[in-house]
Amino acid sequence: MSQEADALRAWLGLLKASNSLKKSVDTNFRSDFGLSISRFDVLAALDRAPETGFRAGELSQLLMVTEGNTTQVTAPLIRDGLVKRTKADDDGRVAYFRLTSKGRKVFDRMAAQNRRHISNALADLSSEDLTTLRNILGKIRVPIRDSVVRKDAA
């Protein structure tokens, strides 16, 4: 089999495993918290934000989505009191997003559940297997952020 065919088979296996795990996590989040994995991703990004929060553009880059998609996914989080959107003092056109205290509590519970879920899902892998997997995944060279930024700028 050629290197190209091997690469495609490996990619398909990676995609299948990733999609399966993502769907499982999403199902659990929706059932237990009424939130999707996309909304969890927003909460996770904002958990790492400075006290002032992230500007919409910064949040979009972290999530690797368009600003329009960021607005769409944050709206229900704002409505539910998990995320606060504020305008910059010096420029009313600039919006900042940050977690509320309620949002931080929900995120902490979701993150704890996620750690347990992922740990259980990967329980058949040894520590050595997990290290090997991380090393292999680290070798994949795809300029994801660059392609998202270029696409948005076009």
N, C-alpha and C. Protein backbone atom coordinates (compact mmCIF):
# COMPACT_ATOMS: atom_id res chain seq x y z
N MET A 1 0.85 -1.18 0.00
CA MET A 1 0.00 0.00 0.00
C MET A 1 0.90 1.25 0.00
N SER A 2 0.50 2.26 -0.71
CA SER A 2 1.30 3.47 -0.82
C SER A 2 1.21 4.32 0.45
N GLN A 3 2.16 5.22 0.60
CA GLN A 3 2.16 6.12 1.75
C GLN A 3 0.91 6.98 1.74
N GLU A 4 0.49 7.38 0.54
CA GLU A 4 -0.70 8.21 0.40
C GLU A 4 -1.95 7.45 0.87
N ALA A 5 -2.07 6.19 0.48
CA ALA A 5 -3.21 5.37 0.90
C ALA A 5 -3.17 5.10 2.41
N ASP A 6 -1.96 4.84 2.94
CA ASP A 6 -1.81 4.64 4.39
C ASP A 6 -2.23 5.90 5.15
N ALA A 7 -1.82 7.06 4.64
CA ALA A 7 -2.17 8.32 5.29
C ALA A 7 -3.68 8.53 5.29
N LEU A 8 -4.32 8.22 4.18
CA LEU A 8 -5.77 8.38 4.09
C LEU A 8 -6.49 7.44 5.06
N ARG A 9 -6.04 6.19 5.14
CA ARG A 9 -6.66 5.23 6.07
C ARG A 9 -6.45 5.69 7.52
N ALA A 10 -5.27 6.18 7.84
CA ALA A 10 -5.00 6.68 9.19
C ALA A 10 -5.90 7.87 9.50
N TRP A 11 -6.03 8.79 8.53
CA TRP A 11 -6.88 9.96 8.73
C TRP A 11 -8.33 9.54 8.96
N LEU A 12 -8.82 8.58 8.17
CA LEU A 12 -10.20 8.11 8.35
C LEU A 12 -10.40 7.48 9.72
N GLY A 13 -9.41 6.73 10.19
CA GLY A 13 -9.48 6.14 11.53
C GLY A 13 -9.49 7.21 12.61
N LEU A 14 -8.64 8.22 12.44
CA LEU A 14 -8.59 9.33 13.39
C LEU A 14 -9.91 10.09 13.40
N LEU A 15 -10.45 10.34 12.23
CA LEU A 15 -11.72 11.06 12.10
C LEU A 15 -12.86 10.28 12.76
N LYS A 16 -12.90 8.98 12.52
CA LYS A 16 -13.96 8.14 13.10
C LYS A 16 -13.87 8.14 14.62
N ALA A 17 -12.67 7.95 15.15
CA ALA A 17 -12.49 7.94 16.61
C ALA A 17 -12.84 9.30 17.21
N SER A 18 -12.38 10.36 16.58
CA SER A 18 -12.64 11.71 17.07
C SER A 18 -14.13 12.03 17.05
N ASN A 19 -14.79 11.73 15.93
CA ASN A 19 -16.22 12.01 15.82
C ASN A 19 -17.03 11.21 16.83
N SER A 20 -16.65 9.96 17.03
CA SER A 20 -17.36 9.10 17.99
C SER A 20 -17.22 9.64 19.41
N LEU A 21 -16.01 10.01 19.78
CA LEU A 21 -15.77 10.55 21.12
C LEU A 21 -16.46 11.90 21.30
N LYS A 22 -16.39 12.74 20.29
CA LYS A 22 -17.03 14.05 20.36
C LYS A 22 -18.55 13.91 20.50
N LYS A 23 -19.14 12.99 19.75
CA LYS A 23 -20.58 12.78 19.84
C LYS A 23 -20.97 12.28 21.23
N SER A 24 -20.17 11.40 21.79
CA SER A 24 -20.43 10.86 23.12
C SER A 24 -20.37 11.97 24.17
N VAL A 25 -19.35 12.81 24.09
CA VAL A 25 -19.21 13.94 25.03
C VAL A 25 -20.39 14.89 24.86
N ASP A 26 -20.73 15.22 23.62
CA ASP A 26 -21.84 16.13 23.34
C ASP A 26 -23.15 15.59 23.91
N THR A 27 -23.39 14.31 23.71
CA THR A 27 -24.62 13.69 24.23
C THR A 27 -24.68 13.81 25.75
N ASN A 28 -23.57 13.55 26.42
CA ASN A 28 -23.54 13.67 27.88
C ASN A 28 -23.75 15.11 28.33
N PHE A 29 -23.10 16.05 27.68
CA PHE A 29 -23.26 17.47 28.05
C PHE A 29 -24.71 17.91 27.87
N ARG A 30 -25.31 17.54 26.77
CA ARG A 30 -26.70 17.93 26.51
C ARG A 30 -27.63 17.31 27.55
N SER A 31 -27.39 16.06 27.89
CA SER A 31 -28.24 15.35 28.85
C SER A 31 -28.08 15.91 30.27
N ASP A 32 -26.84 16.14 30.69
CA ASP A 32 -26.57 16.52 32.07
C ASP A 32 -26.61 18.03 32.32
N PHE A 33 -26.31 18.82 31.29
CA PHE A 33 -26.21 20.27 31.49
C PHE A 33 -27.09 21.09 30.54
N GLY A 34 -27.65 20.44 29.54
CA GLY A 34 -28.45 21.17 28.56
C GLY A 34 -27.61 22.06 27.66
N LEU A 35 -26.31 21.75 27.55
CA LEU A 35 -25.39 22.54 26.73
C LEU A 35 -24.65 21.62 25.76
N SER A 36 -24.35 22.15 24.59
CA SER A 36 -23.63 21.38 23.58
C SER A 36 -22.12 21.45 23.83
N ILE A 37 -21.39 20.59 23.13
CA ILE A 37 -19.94 20.61 23.23
C ILE A 37 -19.39 21.94 22.68
N SER A 38 -20.07 22.53 21.70
CA SER A 38 -19.63 23.83 21.16
C SER A 38 -19.71 24.91 22.23
N ARG A 39 -20.75 24.86 23.03
CA ARG A 39 -20.88 25.85 24.10
C ARG A 39 -19.88 25.58 25.21
N PHE A 40 -19.59 24.31 25.47
CA PHE A 40 -18.53 23.97 26.42
C PHE A 40 -17.20 24.54 25.94
N ASP A 41 -16.93 24.43 24.65
CA ASP A 41 -15.68 24.97 24.09
C ASP A 41 -15.56 26.47 24.35
N VAL A 42 -16.67 27.19 24.24
CA VAL A 42 -16.67 28.63 24.53
C VAL A 42 -16.35 28.85 26.01
N LEU A 43 -17.02 28.11 26.88
CA LEU A 43 -16.76 28.26 28.32
C LEU A 43 -15.31 27.93 28.64
N ALA A 44 -14.77 26.89 28.01
CA ALA A 44 -13.38 26.49 28.24
C ALA A 44 -12.42 27.58 27.79
N ALA A 45 -12.68 28.19 26.65
CA ALA A 45 -11.83 29.28 26.16
C ALA A 45 -11.89 30.46 27.12
N LEU A 46 -13.10 30.81 27.56
CA LEU A 46 -13.25 31.96 28.46
C LEU A 46 -12.68 31.69 29.84
N ASP A 47 -12.57 30.42 30.22
CA ASP A 47 -11.95 30.07 31.49
C ASP A 47 -10.48 30.48 31.51
N ARG A 48 -9.87 30.55 30.35
CA ARG A 48 -8.45 30.93 30.24
C ARG A 48 -8.27 32.42 29.94
N ALA A 49 -9.35 33.16 29.90
CA ALA A 49 -9.30 34.58 29.53
C ALA A 49 -8.75 35.43 30.67
N PRO A 50 -8.17 36.58 30.33
CA PRO A 50 -7.80 37.53 31.39
C PRO A 50 -9.08 38.06 32.05
N GLU A 51 -8.93 38.77 33.13
CA GLU A 51 -10.08 39.25 33.90
C GLU A 51 -11.05 40.07 33.04
N THR A 52 -10.53 40.81 32.09
CA THR A 52 -11.39 41.62 31.23
C THR A 52 -12.15 40.79 30.20
N GLY A 53 -11.71 39.55 29.98
CA GLY A 53 -12.33 38.68 28.99
C GLY A 53 -11.57 38.73 27.68
N PHE A 54 -12.15 38.12 26.67
CA PHE A 54 -11.57 38.14 25.32
C PHE A 54 -12.44 38.99 24.42
N ARG A 55 -11.79 39.73 23.51
CA ARG A 55 -12.53 40.40 22.45
C ARG A 55 -13.14 39.34 21.55
N ALA A 56 -14.19 39.70 20.84
CA ALA A 56 -14.88 38.75 19.96
C ALA A 56 -13.91 38.10 18.98
N GLY A 57 -13.04 38.90 18.39
CA GLY A 57 -12.07 38.37 17.43
C GLY A 57 -11.10 37.39 18.06
N GLU A 58 -10.65 37.69 19.28
CA GLU A 58 -9.75 36.78 19.98
C GLU A 58 -10.45 35.45 20.27
N LEU A 59 -11.69 35.54 20.73
CA LEU A 59 -12.45 34.33 21.03
C LEU A 59 -12.67 33.50 19.76
N SER A 60 -12.97 34.16 18.67
CA SER A 60 -13.16 33.47 17.39
C SER A 60 -11.91 32.72 16.98
N GLN A 61 -10.76 33.37 17.13
CA GLN A 61 -9.50 32.72 16.77
C GLN A 61 -9.23 31.51 17.65
N LEU A 62 -9.47 31.64 18.95
CA LEU A 62 -9.27 30.50 19.85
C LEU A 62 -10.17 29.33 19.50
N LEU A 63 -11.40 29.63 19.12
CA LEU A 63 -12.37 28.59 18.78
C LEU A 63 -12.22 28.11 17.33
N MET A 64 -11.40 28.83 16.55
CA MET A 64 -11.17 28.54 15.14
C MET A 64 -12.47 28.57 14.34
N VAL A 65 -13.26 29.61 14.59
CA VAL A 65 -14.53 29.83 13.89
C VAL A 65 -14.62 31.30 13.49
N THR A 66 -15.64 31.63 12.72
CA THR A 66 -15.85 33.02 12.34
C THR A 66 -16.44 33.81 13.51
N GLU A 67 -16.35 35.12 13.44
CA GLU A 67 -16.96 35.95 14.48
C GLU A 67 -18.48 35.79 14.49
N GLY A 68 -19.07 35.57 13.32
CA GLY A 68 -20.51 35.34 13.25
C GLY A 68 -20.91 34.08 14.00
N ASN A 69 -20.11 33.03 13.87
CA ASN A 69 -20.39 31.79 14.59
C ASN A 69 -20.21 32.00 16.09
N THR A 70 -19.22 32.79 16.46
CA THR A 70 -19.00 33.09 17.88
C THR A 70 -20.20 33.81 18.46
N THR A 71 -20.73 34.76 17.74
CA THR A 71 -21.93 35.48 18.20
C THR A 71 -23.09 34.51 18.37
N GLN A 72 -23.25 33.62 17.42
CA GLN A 72 -24.35 32.65 17.47
C GLN A 72 -24.22 31.71 18.67
N VAL A 73 -23.03 31.22 18.94
CA VAL A 73 -22.86 30.25 20.02
C VAL A 73 -22.84 30.92 21.40
N THR A 74 -22.45 32.20 21.46
CA THR A 74 -22.43 32.88 22.77
C THR A 74 -23.80 33.42 23.18
N ALA A 75 -24.67 33.69 22.23
CA ALA A 75 -25.98 34.30 22.55
C ALA A 75 -26.76 33.51 23.61
N PRO A 76 -26.90 32.19 23.47
CA PRO A 76 -27.64 31.45 24.51
C PRO A 76 -26.90 31.43 25.85
N LEU A 77 -25.57 31.46 25.80
CA LEU A 77 -24.79 31.48 27.04
C LEU A 77 -24.98 32.80 27.77
N ILE A 78 -25.10 33.87 27.02
CA ILE A 78 -25.37 35.19 27.61
C ILE A 78 -26.78 35.20 28.18
N ARG A 79 -27.73 34.71 27.41
CA ARG A 79 -29.13 34.65 27.85
C ARG A 79 -29.28 33.85 29.15
N ASP A 80 -28.51 32.75 29.27
CA ASP A 80 -28.60 31.89 30.45
C ASP A 80 -27.74 32.37 31.62
N GLY A 81 -27.07 33.51 31.44
CA GLY A 81 -26.28 34.08 32.53
C GLY A 81 -24.94 33.41 32.77
N LEU A 82 -24.44 32.67 31.77
CA LEU A 82 -23.15 31.99 31.92
C LEU A 82 -21.99 32.84 31.40
N VAL A 83 -22.29 33.71 30.46
CA VAL A 83 -21.29 34.57 29.83
C VAL A 83 -21.81 36.00 29.86
N LYS A 84 -20.88 36.93 30.08
CA LYS A 84 -21.24 38.35 30.05
C LYS A 84 -20.54 39.00 28.87
N ARG A 85 -21.30 39.79 28.14
CA ARG A 85 -20.76 40.55 27.01
C ARG A 85 -20.78 42.01 27.41
N THR A 86 -19.61 42.65 27.33
CA THR A 86 -19.52 44.07 27.67
C THR A 86 -18.85 44.82 26.53
N LYS A 87 -19.13 46.10 26.46
CA LYS A 87 -18.50 46.97 25.46
C LYS A 87 -17.24 47.57 26.08
N ALA A 88 -16.25 47.80 25.25
CA ALA A 88 -15.02 48.44 25.70
C ALA A 88 -15.32 49.87 26.10
N ASP A 89 -14.69 50.34 27.17
CA ASP A 89 -14.90 51.71 27.65
C ASP A 89 -14.49 52.75 26.60
N ASP A 90 -13.41 52.46 25.88
CA ASP A 90 -12.88 53.44 24.94
C ASP A 90 -13.42 53.29 23.51
N ASP A 91 -14.14 52.18 23.23
CA ASP A 91 -14.66 51.97 21.88
C ASP A 91 -15.89 51.07 21.96
N GLY A 92 -17.05 51.65 21.81
CA GLY A 92 -18.30 50.91 21.94
C GLY A 92 -18.51 49.85 20.89
N ARG A 93 -17.69 49.86 19.84
CA ARG A 93 -17.80 48.83 18.79
C ARG A 93 -17.13 47.53 19.21
N VAL A 94 -16.27 47.60 20.21
CA VAL A 94 -15.51 46.42 20.65
C VAL A 94 -16.23 45.74 21.80
N ALA A 95 -16.50 44.44 21.63
CA ALA A 95 -17.18 43.66 22.66
C ALA A 95 -16.19 42.70 23.31
N TYR A 96 -16.34 42.55 24.62
CA TYR A 96 -15.56 41.59 25.39
C TYR A 96 -16.50 40.53 25.95
N PHE A 97 -16.02 39.30 25.99
CA PHE A 97 -16.79 38.20 26.56
C PHE A 97 -16.01 37.63 27.73
N ARG A 98 -16.72 37.33 28.82
CA ARG A 98 -16.08 36.68 29.96
C ARG A 98 -17.10 35.82 30.68
N LEU A 99 -16.59 34.87 31.46
CA LEU A 99 -17.47 34.01 32.25
C LEU A 99 -18.06 34.79 33.41
N THR A 100 -19.31 34.50 33.73
CA THR A 100 -19.91 35.00 34.96
C THR A 100 -19.56 34.00 36.05
N SER A 101 -19.86 34.32 37.30
CA SER A 101 -19.59 33.35 38.37
C SER A 101 -20.42 32.08 38.15
N LYS A 102 -21.65 32.24 37.69
CA LYS A 102 -22.49 31.08 37.38
C LYS A 102 -21.85 30.27 36.25
N GLY A 103 -21.35 30.96 35.24
CA GLY A 103 -20.70 30.28 34.12
C GLY A 103 -19.47 29.52 34.55
N ARG A 104 -18.70 30.09 35.47
CA ARG A 104 -17.50 29.41 35.98
C ARG A 104 -17.89 28.14 36.73
N LYS A 105 -18.94 28.20 37.53
CA LYS A 105 -19.38 27.02 38.28
C LYS A 105 -19.85 25.92 37.33
N VAL A 106 -20.64 26.30 36.33
CA VAL A 106 -21.11 25.32 35.35
C VAL A 106 -19.93 24.73 34.59
N PHE A 107 -19.00 25.59 34.16
CA PHE A 107 -17.83 25.09 33.44
C PHE A 107 -17.03 24.13 34.30
N ASP A 108 -16.81 24.45 35.55
CA ASP A 108 -16.03 23.57 36.43
C ASP A 108 -16.67 22.19 36.54
N ARG A 109 -17.99 22.15 36.65
CA ARG A 109 -18.68 20.85 36.72
C ARG A 109 -18.58 20.10 35.40
N MET A 110 -18.75 20.83 34.30
CA MET A 110 -18.65 20.20 32.98
C MET A 110 -17.23 19.68 32.73
N ALA A 111 -16.23 20.46 33.11
CA ALA A 111 -14.84 20.05 32.90
C ALA A 111 -14.51 18.80 33.70
N ALA A 112 -14.99 18.74 34.94
CA ALA A 112 -14.75 17.56 35.77
C ALA A 112 -15.39 16.32 35.13
N GLN A 113 -16.62 16.48 34.66
CA GLN A 113 -17.30 15.36 34.00
C GLN A 113 -16.56 14.96 32.74
N ASN A 114 -16.09 15.95 31.99
CA ASN A 114 -15.37 15.68 30.75
C ASN A 114 -14.09 14.89 31.02
N ARG A 115 -13.35 15.29 32.06
CA ARG A 115 -12.12 14.56 32.40
C ARG A 115 -12.43 13.09 32.70
N ARG A 116 -13.48 12.85 33.49
CA ARG A 116 -13.86 11.47 33.82
C ARG A 116 -14.29 10.71 32.56
N HIS A 117 -15.08 11.35 31.72
CA HIS A 117 -15.59 10.70 30.51
C HIS A 117 -14.45 10.33 29.57
N ILE A 118 -13.55 11.25 29.33
CA ILE A 118 -12.42 10.99 28.43
C ILE A 118 -11.51 9.92 29.02
N SER A 119 -11.28 9.99 30.32
CA SER A 119 -10.45 8.98 30.98
C SER A 119 -11.06 7.60 30.82
N ASN A 120 -12.37 7.49 31.00
CA ASN A 120 -13.05 6.20 30.82
C ASN A 120 -12.99 5.74 29.37
N ALA A 121 -13.18 6.66 28.44
CA ALA A 121 -13.17 6.31 27.02
C ALA A 121 -11.80 5.80 26.57
N LEU A 122 -10.74 6.31 27.19
CA LEU A 122 -9.38 5.93 26.81
C LEU A 122 -8.76 4.95 27.81
N ALA A 123 -9.59 4.34 28.64
CA ALA A 123 -9.10 3.47 29.73
C ALA A 123 -8.32 2.26 29.22
N ASP A 124 -8.60 1.81 28.01
CA ASP A 124 -7.88 0.64 27.48
C ASP A 124 -6.48 0.98 26.97
N LEU A 125 -6.14 2.25 26.95
CA LEU A 125 -4.81 2.66 26.53
C LEU A 125 -3.91 2.81 27.76
N SER A 126 -2.71 2.27 27.67
CA SER A 126 -1.75 2.41 28.77
C SER A 126 -1.18 3.83 28.77
N SER A 127 -0.46 4.16 29.82
CA SER A 127 0.20 5.47 29.87
C SER A 127 1.16 5.62 28.69
N GLU A 128 1.84 4.53 28.37
CA GLU A 128 2.76 4.55 27.22
C GLU A 128 1.99 4.77 25.92
N ASP A 129 0.84 4.10 25.77
CA ASP A 129 0.01 4.30 24.58
C ASP A 129 -0.42 5.76 24.45
N LEU A 130 -0.84 6.34 25.56
CA LEU A 130 -1.31 7.74 25.54
C LEU A 130 -0.18 8.69 25.17
N THR A 131 1.02 8.43 25.69
CA THR A 131 2.18 9.26 25.34
C THR A 131 2.49 9.12 23.85
N THR A 132 2.46 7.90 23.35
CA THR A 132 2.70 7.66 21.93
C THR A 132 1.66 8.37 21.08
N LEU A 133 0.40 8.27 21.48
CA LEU A 133 -0.67 8.93 20.74
C LEU A 133 -0.45 10.45 20.71
N ARG A 134 -0.14 11.04 21.86
CA ARG A 134 0.12 12.49 21.90
C ARG A 134 1.29 12.86 20.98
N ASN A 135 2.34 12.06 21.02
CA ASN A 135 3.51 12.34 20.18
C ASN A 135 3.17 12.24 18.69
N ILE A 136 2.41 11.23 18.33
CA ILE A 136 2.02 11.07 16.92
C ILE A 136 1.14 12.24 16.48
N LEU A 137 0.14 12.57 17.30
CA LEU A 137 -0.75 13.68 16.94
C LEU A 137 0.02 15.00 16.85
N GLY A 138 1.05 15.15 17.67
CA GLY A 138 1.87 16.36 17.64
C GLY A 138 2.67 16.50 16.35
N LYS A 139 2.83 15.41 15.64
CA LYS A 139 3.60 15.45 14.38
C LYS A 139 2.74 15.84 13.18
N ILE A 140 1.44 15.88 13.36
CA ILE A 140 0.57 16.23 12.24
C ILE A 140 0.73 17.71 11.95
N ARG A 141 1.08 18.00 10.71
CA ARG A 141 1.36 19.38 10.33
C ARG A 141 0.24 19.93 9.46
N VAL A 142 -0.61 20.71 10.09
CA VAL A 142 -1.69 21.36 9.36
C VAL A 142 -1.80 22.78 9.91
N PRO A 143 -1.66 23.78 9.07
CA PRO A 143 -1.76 25.16 9.55
C PRO A 143 -3.22 25.57 9.75
N ILE A 144 -3.88 24.97 10.74
CA ILE A 144 -5.31 25.18 10.95
C ILE A 144 -5.63 26.65 11.18
N ARG A 145 -4.96 27.28 12.11
CA ARG A 145 -5.28 28.67 12.43
C ARG A 145 -5.07 29.58 11.23
N ASP A 146 -3.99 29.34 10.50
CA ASP A 146 -3.73 30.18 9.33
C ASP A 146 -4.85 30.05 8.31
N SER A 147 -5.33 28.83 8.08
CA SER A 147 -6.37 28.65 7.07
C SER A 147 -7.68 29.29 7.51
N VAL A 148 -7.98 29.26 8.81
CA VAL A 148 -9.21 29.88 9.31
C VAL A 148 -9.13 31.39 9.17
N VAL A 149 -7.99 31.96 9.54
CA VAL A 149 -7.82 33.41 9.46
C VAL A 149 -7.90 33.86 8.00
N ARG A 150 -7.23 33.16 7.11
CA ARG A 150 -7.27 33.52 5.69
C ARG A 150 -8.68 33.43 5.14
N LYS A 151 -9.41 32.38 5.51
CA LYS A 151 -10.77 32.19 5.02
C LYS A 151 -11.67 33.33 5.49
N ASP A 152 -11.55 33.72 6.77
CA ASP A 152 -12.36 34.81 7.31
C ASP A 152 -12.01 36.14 6.66
N ALA A 153 -10.75 36.33 6.34
CA ALA A 153 -10.31 37.60 5.78
C ALA A 153 -10.75 37.76 4.32
N ALA A 154 -11.01 36.64 3.67
CA ALA A 154 -11.37 36.68 2.24
C ALA A 154 -12.75 37.24 2.01
